[in-house]
N, C-alpha and C. Protein backbone atom coordinates (compact mmCIF):
# COMPACT_ATOMS: atom_id res chain seq x y z
N UNK A 1 -41.35 -173.05 119.51
CA UNK A 1 -42.38 -173.23 118.50
C UNK A 1 -43.52 -172.26 118.79
N UNK A 2 -43.73 -171.30 117.91
CA UNK A 2 -44.75 -170.29 118.14
C UNK A 2 -45.74 -170.28 116.96
N UNK A 3 -46.57 -171.30 116.92
CA UNK A 3 -47.56 -171.39 115.86
C UNK A 3 -48.81 -170.62 116.28
N UNK A 4 -49.41 -169.97 115.32
CA UNK A 4 -50.68 -169.31 115.61
C UNK A 4 -51.81 -170.30 115.41
N UNK A 5 -52.77 -170.24 116.31
CA UNK A 5 -53.93 -171.13 116.20
C UNK A 5 -55.13 -170.29 115.79
N UNK A 6 -56.05 -170.93 115.12
CA UNK A 6 -57.28 -170.25 114.74
C UNK A 6 -58.06 -169.90 116.01
N UNK A 7 -58.68 -168.73 116.06
CA UNK A 7 -59.42 -168.35 117.26
C UNK A 7 -60.58 -169.29 117.59
N UNK A 8 -61.17 -169.90 116.57
CA UNK A 8 -62.32 -170.79 116.81
C UNK A 8 -61.94 -172.23 116.46
N UNK A 9 -62.27 -173.15 117.36
CA UNK A 9 -62.08 -174.58 117.15
C UNK A 9 -63.44 -175.26 117.23
N UNK A 10 -63.74 -176.08 116.22
CA UNK A 10 -64.98 -176.86 116.23
C UNK A 10 -64.60 -178.32 116.08
N UNK A 11 -65.03 -179.13 117.04
CA UNK A 11 -64.71 -180.56 117.06
C UNK A 11 -65.99 -181.37 116.90
N UNK A 12 -66.06 -182.18 115.85
CA UNK A 12 -67.19 -183.08 115.64
C UNK A 12 -66.84 -184.46 116.16
N UNK A 13 -67.69 -184.99 117.02
CA UNK A 13 -67.43 -186.27 117.67
C UNK A 13 -68.46 -187.28 117.16
N UNK A 14 -68.00 -188.48 116.80
CA UNK A 14 -68.95 -189.52 116.42
C UNK A 14 -68.36 -190.55 115.48
N UNK A 15 -69.08 -191.65 115.35
CA UNK A 15 -68.66 -192.77 114.53
C UNK A 15 -69.53 -192.85 113.28
N UNK A 16 -68.98 -192.56 112.11
CA UNK A 16 -69.76 -192.58 110.87
C UNK A 16 -70.36 -193.95 110.54
N UNK A 17 -69.87 -195.01 111.15
CA UNK A 17 -70.39 -196.36 110.89
C UNK A 17 -71.59 -196.71 111.76
N UNK A 18 -72.00 -195.79 112.63
CA UNK A 18 -73.09 -196.07 113.56
C UNK A 18 -74.27 -195.12 113.36
N UNK A 19 -74.79 -195.08 112.15
CA UNK A 19 -76.01 -194.32 111.88
C UNK A 19 -75.91 -192.87 112.29
N UNK A 20 -76.82 -192.47 113.18
CA UNK A 20 -76.92 -191.07 113.58
C UNK A 20 -75.73 -190.60 114.43
N UNK A 21 -74.89 -191.52 114.88
CA UNK A 21 -73.69 -191.12 115.61
C UNK A 21 -72.75 -190.34 114.68
N UNK A 22 -73.02 -190.38 113.38
CA UNK A 22 -72.20 -189.66 112.40
C UNK A 22 -72.51 -188.17 112.36
N UNK A 23 -73.48 -187.69 113.13
CA UNK A 23 -73.89 -186.29 113.04
C UNK A 23 -72.74 -185.31 113.27
N UNK A 24 -71.90 -185.56 114.25
CA UNK A 24 -70.76 -184.67 114.51
C UNK A 24 -69.82 -184.58 113.32
N UNK A 25 -69.29 -185.73 112.83
CA UNK A 25 -68.43 -185.69 111.66
C UNK A 25 -69.11 -185.14 110.40
N UNK A 26 -70.39 -185.44 110.21
CA UNK A 26 -71.10 -184.91 109.05
C UNK A 26 -71.22 -183.38 109.11
N UNK A 27 -71.42 -182.88 110.29
CA UNK A 27 -71.49 -181.43 110.47
C UNK A 27 -70.13 -180.81 110.11
N UNK A 28 -69.05 -181.43 110.53
CA UNK A 28 -67.72 -180.93 110.20
C UNK A 28 -67.50 -180.96 108.69
N UNK A 29 -67.92 -182.04 108.03
CA UNK A 29 -67.80 -182.11 106.56
C UNK A 29 -68.53 -180.94 105.90
N UNK A 30 -69.71 -180.63 106.39
CA UNK A 30 -70.49 -179.52 105.82
C UNK A 30 -69.78 -178.20 106.07
N UNK A 31 -69.23 -178.03 107.28
CA UNK A 31 -68.52 -176.79 107.60
C UNK A 31 -67.26 -176.63 106.75
N UNK A 32 -66.59 -177.73 106.42
CA UNK A 32 -65.38 -177.66 105.59
C UNK A 32 -65.67 -177.04 104.23
N UNK A 33 -66.84 -177.27 103.70
CA UNK A 33 -67.18 -176.72 102.39
C UNK A 33 -67.35 -175.20 102.43
N UNK A 34 -67.56 -174.65 103.64
CA UNK A 34 -67.75 -173.20 103.78
C UNK A 34 -66.43 -172.44 103.83
N UNK A 35 -65.31 -173.16 104.00
CA UNK A 35 -63.98 -172.55 104.10
C UNK A 35 -64.00 -171.36 105.06
N UNK A 36 -64.33 -171.65 106.30
CA UNK A 36 -64.49 -170.62 107.32
C UNK A 36 -63.15 -170.01 107.71
N UNK A 37 -63.07 -168.68 107.72
CA UNK A 37 -61.83 -168.05 108.17
C UNK A 37 -61.71 -168.16 109.69
N UNK A 38 -60.48 -168.17 110.17
CA UNK A 38 -60.21 -168.16 111.61
C UNK A 38 -60.85 -169.32 112.36
N UNK A 39 -61.04 -170.46 111.67
CA UNK A 39 -61.70 -171.61 112.27
C UNK A 39 -60.93 -172.87 111.93
N UNK A 40 -60.62 -173.66 112.96
CA UNK A 40 -60.03 -174.98 112.76
C UNK A 40 -61.12 -176.02 113.02
N UNK A 41 -61.19 -177.01 112.14
CA UNK A 41 -62.19 -178.06 112.25
C UNK A 41 -61.50 -179.40 112.49
N UNK A 42 -61.96 -180.12 113.49
CA UNK A 42 -61.42 -181.45 113.80
C UNK A 42 -62.58 -182.43 113.95
N UNK A 43 -62.30 -183.69 113.71
CA UNK A 43 -63.29 -184.72 113.93
C UNK A 43 -62.60 -185.97 114.46
N UNK A 44 -63.32 -186.70 115.29
CA UNK A 44 -62.78 -187.93 115.87
C UNK A 44 -63.94 -188.78 116.34
N UNK A 45 -63.67 -190.08 116.51
CA UNK A 45 -64.69 -190.99 117.04
C UNK A 45 -65.08 -190.62 118.46
N UNK A 46 -64.10 -190.17 119.23
CA UNK A 46 -64.33 -189.78 120.62
C UNK A 46 -63.24 -188.81 121.05
N UNK A 47 -63.53 -188.05 122.09
CA UNK A 47 -62.52 -187.12 122.61
C UNK A 47 -61.47 -187.89 123.39
N UNK A 48 -60.25 -187.46 123.22
CA UNK A 48 -59.12 -188.01 123.95
C UNK A 48 -58.53 -186.89 124.81
N UNK A 49 -57.84 -187.26 125.85
CA UNK A 49 -57.26 -186.28 126.78
C UNK A 49 -56.29 -185.34 126.06
N UNK A 50 -55.66 -185.80 124.98
CA UNK A 50 -54.71 -184.99 124.24
C UNK A 50 -55.34 -183.73 123.65
N UNK A 51 -56.65 -183.72 123.52
CA UNK A 51 -57.32 -182.54 122.96
C UNK A 51 -57.19 -181.30 123.86
N UNK A 52 -56.72 -181.47 125.10
CA UNK A 52 -56.52 -180.28 125.94
C UNK A 52 -55.52 -179.33 125.28
N UNK A 53 -54.57 -179.87 124.54
CA UNK A 53 -53.59 -179.02 123.86
C UNK A 53 -54.24 -178.21 122.74
N UNK A 54 -55.29 -178.76 122.13
CA UNK A 54 -55.98 -178.03 121.06
C UNK A 54 -56.83 -176.88 121.60
N UNK A 55 -57.09 -176.85 122.90
CA UNK A 55 -57.87 -175.76 123.49
C UNK A 55 -57.05 -174.50 123.68
N UNK A 56 -55.72 -174.64 123.71
CA UNK A 56 -54.84 -173.50 123.98
C UNK A 56 -54.98 -172.40 122.93
N UNK A 57 -55.10 -171.17 123.40
CA UNK A 57 -55.11 -170.01 122.53
C UNK A 57 -56.41 -169.76 121.79
N UNK A 58 -57.46 -170.46 122.14
CA UNK A 58 -58.74 -170.30 121.43
C UNK A 58 -59.60 -169.24 122.08
N UNK A 59 -60.39 -168.58 121.26
CA UNK A 59 -61.40 -167.64 121.76
C UNK A 59 -62.75 -168.33 121.90
N UNK A 60 -62.95 -169.38 121.09
CA UNK A 60 -64.22 -170.11 121.15
C UNK A 60 -63.97 -171.56 120.76
N UNK A 61 -64.66 -172.47 121.47
CA UNK A 61 -64.61 -173.89 121.15
C UNK A 61 -66.05 -174.39 121.10
N UNK A 62 -66.36 -175.15 120.04
CA UNK A 62 -67.68 -175.76 119.92
C UNK A 62 -67.48 -177.26 119.73
N UNK A 63 -68.09 -178.04 120.60
CA UNK A 63 -68.11 -179.49 120.46
C UNK A 63 -69.44 -179.86 119.81
N UNK A 64 -69.42 -180.74 118.81
CA UNK A 64 -70.65 -181.18 118.15
C UNK A 64 -70.73 -182.69 118.29
N UNK A 65 -71.87 -183.18 118.79
CA UNK A 65 -72.04 -184.60 119.01
C UNK A 65 -73.50 -184.96 118.81
N UNK A 66 -73.74 -186.22 118.51
CA UNK A 66 -75.11 -186.73 118.43
C UNK A 66 -75.62 -186.98 119.85
N UNK A 67 -76.91 -186.80 120.04
CA UNK A 67 -77.54 -187.06 121.34
C UNK A 67 -78.63 -188.10 121.15
N UNK A 68 -78.60 -189.14 121.97
CA UNK A 68 -79.59 -190.21 121.89
C UNK A 68 -80.91 -189.82 122.55
N UNK A 69 -80.87 -188.76 123.33
CA UNK A 69 -82.10 -188.26 123.96
C UNK A 69 -81.95 -186.75 124.12
N UNK A 70 -83.02 -186.12 124.54
CA UNK A 70 -82.94 -184.68 124.78
C UNK A 70 -83.69 -183.88 123.74
N UNK A 71 -83.32 -182.63 123.66
CA UNK A 71 -84.03 -181.65 122.83
C UNK A 71 -83.96 -182.02 121.34
N UNK A 72 -85.05 -181.74 120.66
CA UNK A 72 -85.11 -181.89 119.21
C UNK A 72 -85.31 -180.51 118.60
N UNK A 73 -84.69 -180.15 117.55
CA UNK A 73 -83.75 -180.92 116.75
C UNK A 73 -82.33 -180.94 117.31
N UNK A 74 -82.04 -180.05 118.26
CA UNK A 74 -80.71 -179.98 118.85
C UNK A 74 -80.79 -179.15 120.13
N UNK A 75 -79.72 -179.20 120.89
CA UNK A 75 -79.52 -178.29 122.03
C UNK A 75 -78.17 -177.61 121.80
N UNK A 76 -78.12 -176.31 121.99
CA UNK A 76 -76.88 -175.55 121.85
C UNK A 76 -76.71 -174.77 123.14
N UNK A 77 -75.80 -175.23 123.98
CA UNK A 77 -75.65 -174.70 125.33
C UNK A 77 -74.20 -174.34 125.63
N UNK A 78 -74.01 -173.30 126.44
CA UNK A 78 -72.66 -173.05 126.95
C UNK A 78 -72.20 -174.26 127.75
N UNK A 79 -70.93 -174.54 127.71
CA UNK A 79 -70.37 -175.71 128.37
C UNK A 79 -69.44 -175.26 129.48
N UNK A 80 -69.61 -175.85 130.64
CA UNK A 80 -68.77 -175.53 131.80
C UNK A 80 -67.80 -176.67 132.06
N UNK A 81 -66.67 -176.33 132.64
CA UNK A 81 -65.70 -177.35 133.05
C UNK A 81 -66.28 -178.11 134.23
N UNK A 82 -66.22 -179.43 134.15
CA UNK A 82 -66.75 -180.25 135.23
C UNK A 82 -66.01 -181.58 135.23
N UNK A 83 -65.43 -181.92 136.35
CA UNK A 83 -64.71 -183.17 136.47
C UNK A 83 -65.70 -184.33 136.55
N UNK A 84 -65.41 -185.38 135.80
CA UNK A 84 -66.17 -186.62 135.92
C UNK A 84 -65.19 -187.78 135.75
N UNK A 85 -65.69 -188.98 135.78
CA UNK A 85 -64.80 -190.14 135.71
C UNK A 85 -64.31 -190.46 134.31
N UNK A 86 -64.76 -189.71 133.32
CA UNK A 86 -64.37 -190.01 131.95
C UNK A 86 -62.88 -189.75 131.69
N UNK A 87 -62.24 -188.93 132.51
CA UNK A 87 -60.82 -188.66 132.27
C UNK A 87 -59.97 -189.89 132.53
N UNK A 88 -60.51 -190.90 133.17
CA UNK A 88 -59.76 -192.12 133.43
C UNK A 88 -60.13 -193.23 132.45
N UNK A 89 -60.89 -192.90 131.40
CA UNK A 89 -61.27 -193.89 130.40
C UNK A 89 -60.68 -193.51 129.06
N UNK A 90 -61.01 -194.29 128.03
CA UNK A 90 -60.48 -194.00 126.70
C UNK A 90 -61.29 -192.92 125.98
N UNK A 91 -62.43 -192.53 126.50
CA UNK A 91 -63.24 -191.46 125.90
C UNK A 91 -63.54 -190.41 126.96
N UNK A 92 -63.22 -189.17 126.68
CA UNK A 92 -63.37 -188.08 127.64
C UNK A 92 -64.59 -187.24 127.25
N UNK A 93 -65.38 -186.83 128.25
CA UNK A 93 -66.52 -185.95 127.98
C UNK A 93 -66.00 -184.53 127.71
N UNK A 94 -66.75 -183.73 126.95
CA UNK A 94 -66.31 -182.35 126.71
C UNK A 94 -66.11 -181.56 128.01
N UNK A 95 -67.00 -181.72 128.99
CA UNK A 95 -66.86 -180.99 130.26
C UNK A 95 -65.61 -181.40 131.02
N UNK A 96 -65.31 -182.70 131.01
CA UNK A 96 -64.10 -183.18 131.69
C UNK A 96 -62.84 -182.72 130.96
N UNK A 97 -62.91 -182.66 129.64
CA UNK A 97 -61.78 -182.15 128.87
C UNK A 97 -61.50 -180.69 129.24
N UNK A 98 -62.57 -179.91 129.37
CA UNK A 98 -62.40 -178.51 129.78
C UNK A 98 -61.79 -178.41 131.17
N UNK A 99 -62.27 -179.25 132.10
CA UNK A 99 -61.74 -179.22 133.47
C UNK A 99 -60.26 -179.58 133.48
N UNK A 100 -59.90 -180.59 132.72
CA UNK A 100 -58.49 -180.99 132.63
C UNK A 100 -57.68 -179.90 131.96
N UNK A 101 -58.23 -179.31 130.91
CA UNK A 101 -57.54 -178.21 130.24
C UNK A 101 -57.31 -177.03 131.16
N UNK A 102 -58.32 -176.74 131.99
CA UNK A 102 -58.17 -175.63 132.94
C UNK A 102 -57.07 -175.94 133.95
N UNK A 103 -57.03 -177.18 134.38
CA UNK A 103 -56.01 -177.58 135.36
C UNK A 103 -54.61 -177.54 134.74
N UNK A 104 -54.47 -178.01 133.52
CA UNK A 104 -53.16 -178.07 132.86
C UNK A 104 -52.74 -176.73 132.29
N UNK A 105 -53.67 -176.07 131.59
CA UNK A 105 -53.34 -174.82 130.88
C UNK A 105 -53.51 -173.58 131.75
N UNK A 106 -54.21 -173.70 132.87
CA UNK A 106 -54.39 -172.57 133.76
C UNK A 106 -55.59 -171.71 133.46
N UNK A 107 -56.27 -171.99 132.35
CA UNK A 107 -57.45 -171.20 131.97
C UNK A 107 -58.27 -171.98 130.95
N UNK A 108 -59.46 -171.49 130.70
CA UNK A 108 -60.36 -172.08 129.71
C UNK A 108 -60.51 -171.16 128.51
N UNK A 109 -60.89 -171.71 127.36
CA UNK A 109 -61.32 -170.80 126.29
C UNK A 109 -62.51 -170.01 126.81
N UNK A 110 -62.62 -168.72 126.48
CA UNK A 110 -63.68 -167.91 127.07
C UNK A 110 -65.09 -168.34 126.68
N UNK A 111 -65.31 -168.85 125.49
CA UNK A 111 -66.64 -169.24 125.05
C UNK A 111 -66.59 -170.69 124.56
N UNK A 112 -67.25 -171.56 125.27
CA UNK A 112 -67.26 -172.97 124.92
C UNK A 112 -68.70 -173.46 124.91
N UNK A 113 -69.04 -174.20 123.85
CA UNK A 113 -70.43 -174.66 123.67
C UNK A 113 -70.46 -176.13 123.31
N UNK A 114 -71.59 -176.74 123.60
CA UNK A 114 -71.88 -178.09 123.12
C UNK A 114 -73.12 -178.01 122.24
N UNK A 115 -72.98 -178.46 121.00
CA UNK A 115 -74.11 -178.61 120.10
C UNK A 115 -74.43 -180.10 120.06
N UNK A 116 -75.54 -180.46 120.69
CA UNK A 116 -75.98 -181.86 120.74
C UNK A 116 -77.14 -182.01 119.76
N UNK A 117 -76.87 -182.67 118.63
CA UNK A 117 -77.88 -182.86 117.59
C UNK A 117 -78.59 -184.18 117.86
N UNK A 118 -79.90 -184.13 117.93
CA UNK A 118 -80.69 -185.31 118.29
C UNK A 118 -80.61 -186.36 117.20
N UNK A 119 -80.24 -187.58 117.61
CA UNK A 119 -80.20 -188.74 116.73
C UNK A 119 -81.14 -189.81 117.26
N UNK A 120 -81.39 -190.83 116.46
CA UNK A 120 -82.38 -191.84 116.81
C UNK A 120 -81.90 -193.26 116.57
N UNK A 121 -80.96 -193.46 115.67
CA UNK A 121 -80.54 -194.79 115.25
C UNK A 121 -79.02 -194.88 115.35
N UNK A 122 -78.50 -195.74 116.23
CA UNK A 122 -77.07 -195.76 116.51
C UNK A 122 -76.41 -197.12 116.34
N UNK A 123 -77.09 -198.05 115.68
CA UNK A 123 -76.52 -199.39 115.52
C UNK A 123 -75.45 -199.41 114.45
N UNK A 124 -74.48 -200.29 114.62
CA UNK A 124 -73.40 -200.45 113.64
C UNK A 124 -74.00 -200.81 112.28
N UNK A 125 -73.62 -200.07 111.26
CA UNK A 125 -74.10 -200.31 109.91
C UNK A 125 -75.35 -199.54 109.54
N UNK A 126 -76.00 -198.90 110.50
CA UNK A 126 -77.18 -198.10 110.19
C UNK A 126 -76.80 -196.91 109.31
N UNK A 127 -77.74 -196.50 108.48
CA UNK A 127 -77.59 -195.27 107.71
C UNK A 127 -78.12 -194.11 108.56
N UNK A 128 -77.79 -192.91 108.18
CA UNK A 128 -78.31 -191.73 108.85
C UNK A 128 -79.83 -191.72 108.70
N UNK A 129 -80.54 -191.56 109.79
CA UNK A 129 -82.01 -191.54 109.73
C UNK A 129 -82.49 -190.22 109.12
N UNK A 130 -83.67 -190.26 108.53
CA UNK A 130 -84.25 -189.06 107.92
C UNK A 130 -84.45 -187.96 108.95
N UNK A 131 -84.91 -188.33 110.16
CA UNK A 131 -85.11 -187.33 111.21
C UNK A 131 -83.79 -186.67 111.60
N UNK A 132 -82.73 -187.48 111.74
CA UNK A 132 -81.42 -186.93 112.11
C UNK A 132 -80.87 -186.03 111.00
N UNK A 133 -81.10 -186.42 109.74
CA UNK A 133 -80.64 -185.59 108.62
C UNK A 133 -81.33 -184.23 108.66
N UNK A 134 -82.62 -184.22 108.99
CA UNK A 134 -83.36 -182.96 109.11
C UNK A 134 -82.83 -182.13 110.28
N UNK A 135 -82.53 -182.80 111.39
CA UNK A 135 -81.97 -182.11 112.56
C UNK A 135 -80.61 -181.50 112.22
N UNK A 136 -79.81 -182.21 111.42
CA UNK A 136 -78.52 -181.70 110.99
C UNK A 136 -78.69 -180.42 110.17
N UNK A 137 -79.66 -180.41 109.27
CA UNK A 137 -79.93 -179.21 108.47
C UNK A 137 -80.25 -178.02 109.37
N UNK A 138 -81.09 -178.25 110.36
CA UNK A 138 -81.47 -177.16 111.28
C UNK A 138 -80.27 -176.72 112.13
N UNK A 139 -79.43 -177.66 112.53
CA UNK A 139 -78.24 -177.33 113.31
C UNK A 139 -77.25 -176.51 112.47
N UNK A 140 -77.16 -176.81 111.19
CA UNK A 140 -76.27 -176.05 110.31
C UNK A 140 -76.72 -174.59 110.22
N UNK A 141 -78.02 -174.37 110.14
CA UNK A 141 -78.55 -172.99 110.10
C UNK A 141 -78.14 -172.26 111.38
N UNK A 142 -78.30 -172.93 112.52
CA UNK A 142 -77.91 -172.33 113.80
C UNK A 142 -76.42 -172.01 113.81
N UNK A 143 -75.58 -172.97 113.42
CA UNK A 143 -74.14 -172.76 113.45
C UNK A 143 -73.71 -171.61 112.54
N UNK A 144 -74.25 -171.57 111.35
CA UNK A 144 -73.89 -170.49 110.43
C UNK A 144 -74.31 -169.13 110.98
N UNK A 145 -75.49 -169.07 111.59
CA UNK A 145 -75.97 -167.81 112.21
C UNK A 145 -75.07 -167.44 113.39
N UNK A 146 -74.74 -168.42 114.22
CA UNK A 146 -73.88 -168.17 115.38
C UNK A 146 -72.52 -167.63 114.95
N UNK A 147 -71.92 -168.26 113.94
CA UNK A 147 -70.60 -167.82 113.48
C UNK A 147 -70.65 -166.44 112.85
N UNK A 148 -71.71 -166.14 112.13
CA UNK A 148 -71.85 -164.80 111.55
C UNK A 148 -72.02 -163.76 112.67
N UNK A 149 -72.80 -164.10 113.69
CA UNK A 149 -73.03 -163.16 114.80
C UNK A 149 -71.76 -162.92 115.61
N UNK A 150 -70.98 -163.98 115.85
CA UNK A 150 -69.78 -163.82 116.67
C UNK A 150 -68.62 -163.23 115.88
N UNK A 151 -68.68 -163.29 114.57
CA UNK A 151 -67.62 -162.69 113.74
C UNK A 151 -67.80 -161.18 113.61
N UNK A 152 -69.04 -160.74 113.80
CA UNK A 152 -69.36 -159.30 113.63
C UNK A 152 -68.81 -158.47 114.77
């Protein structure tokens, strides 16, 4: 089986039923409307160990998740492989996924980032907060600029 994979993978993580935790999936929905070339978009409630297979053959991987604390409106940082205890649970951290992928696949995607969009309200049934919606808008500007810069 020799399928070609898109050079860029963007994974939105979060639960749409938990207010601002929906930021990752909402970002993916917005990106889908752009019909980005050479980009695969995925979304899930949480990362699973099986996602190591999705890292294969990529030139760039971006994880998008809501952050309950930290920089506002978002933080966009390179992500390093780092082992933690999450690989033994039902939800894997992006860094642990990279470390496991490196161990299994023998290498990492060359450019990997975490976009952590600041959220404020995470209770079940909450709607997206106005502040988080504004942060999402600003994160979209960053993502579109980043993708244009890296495509050039």
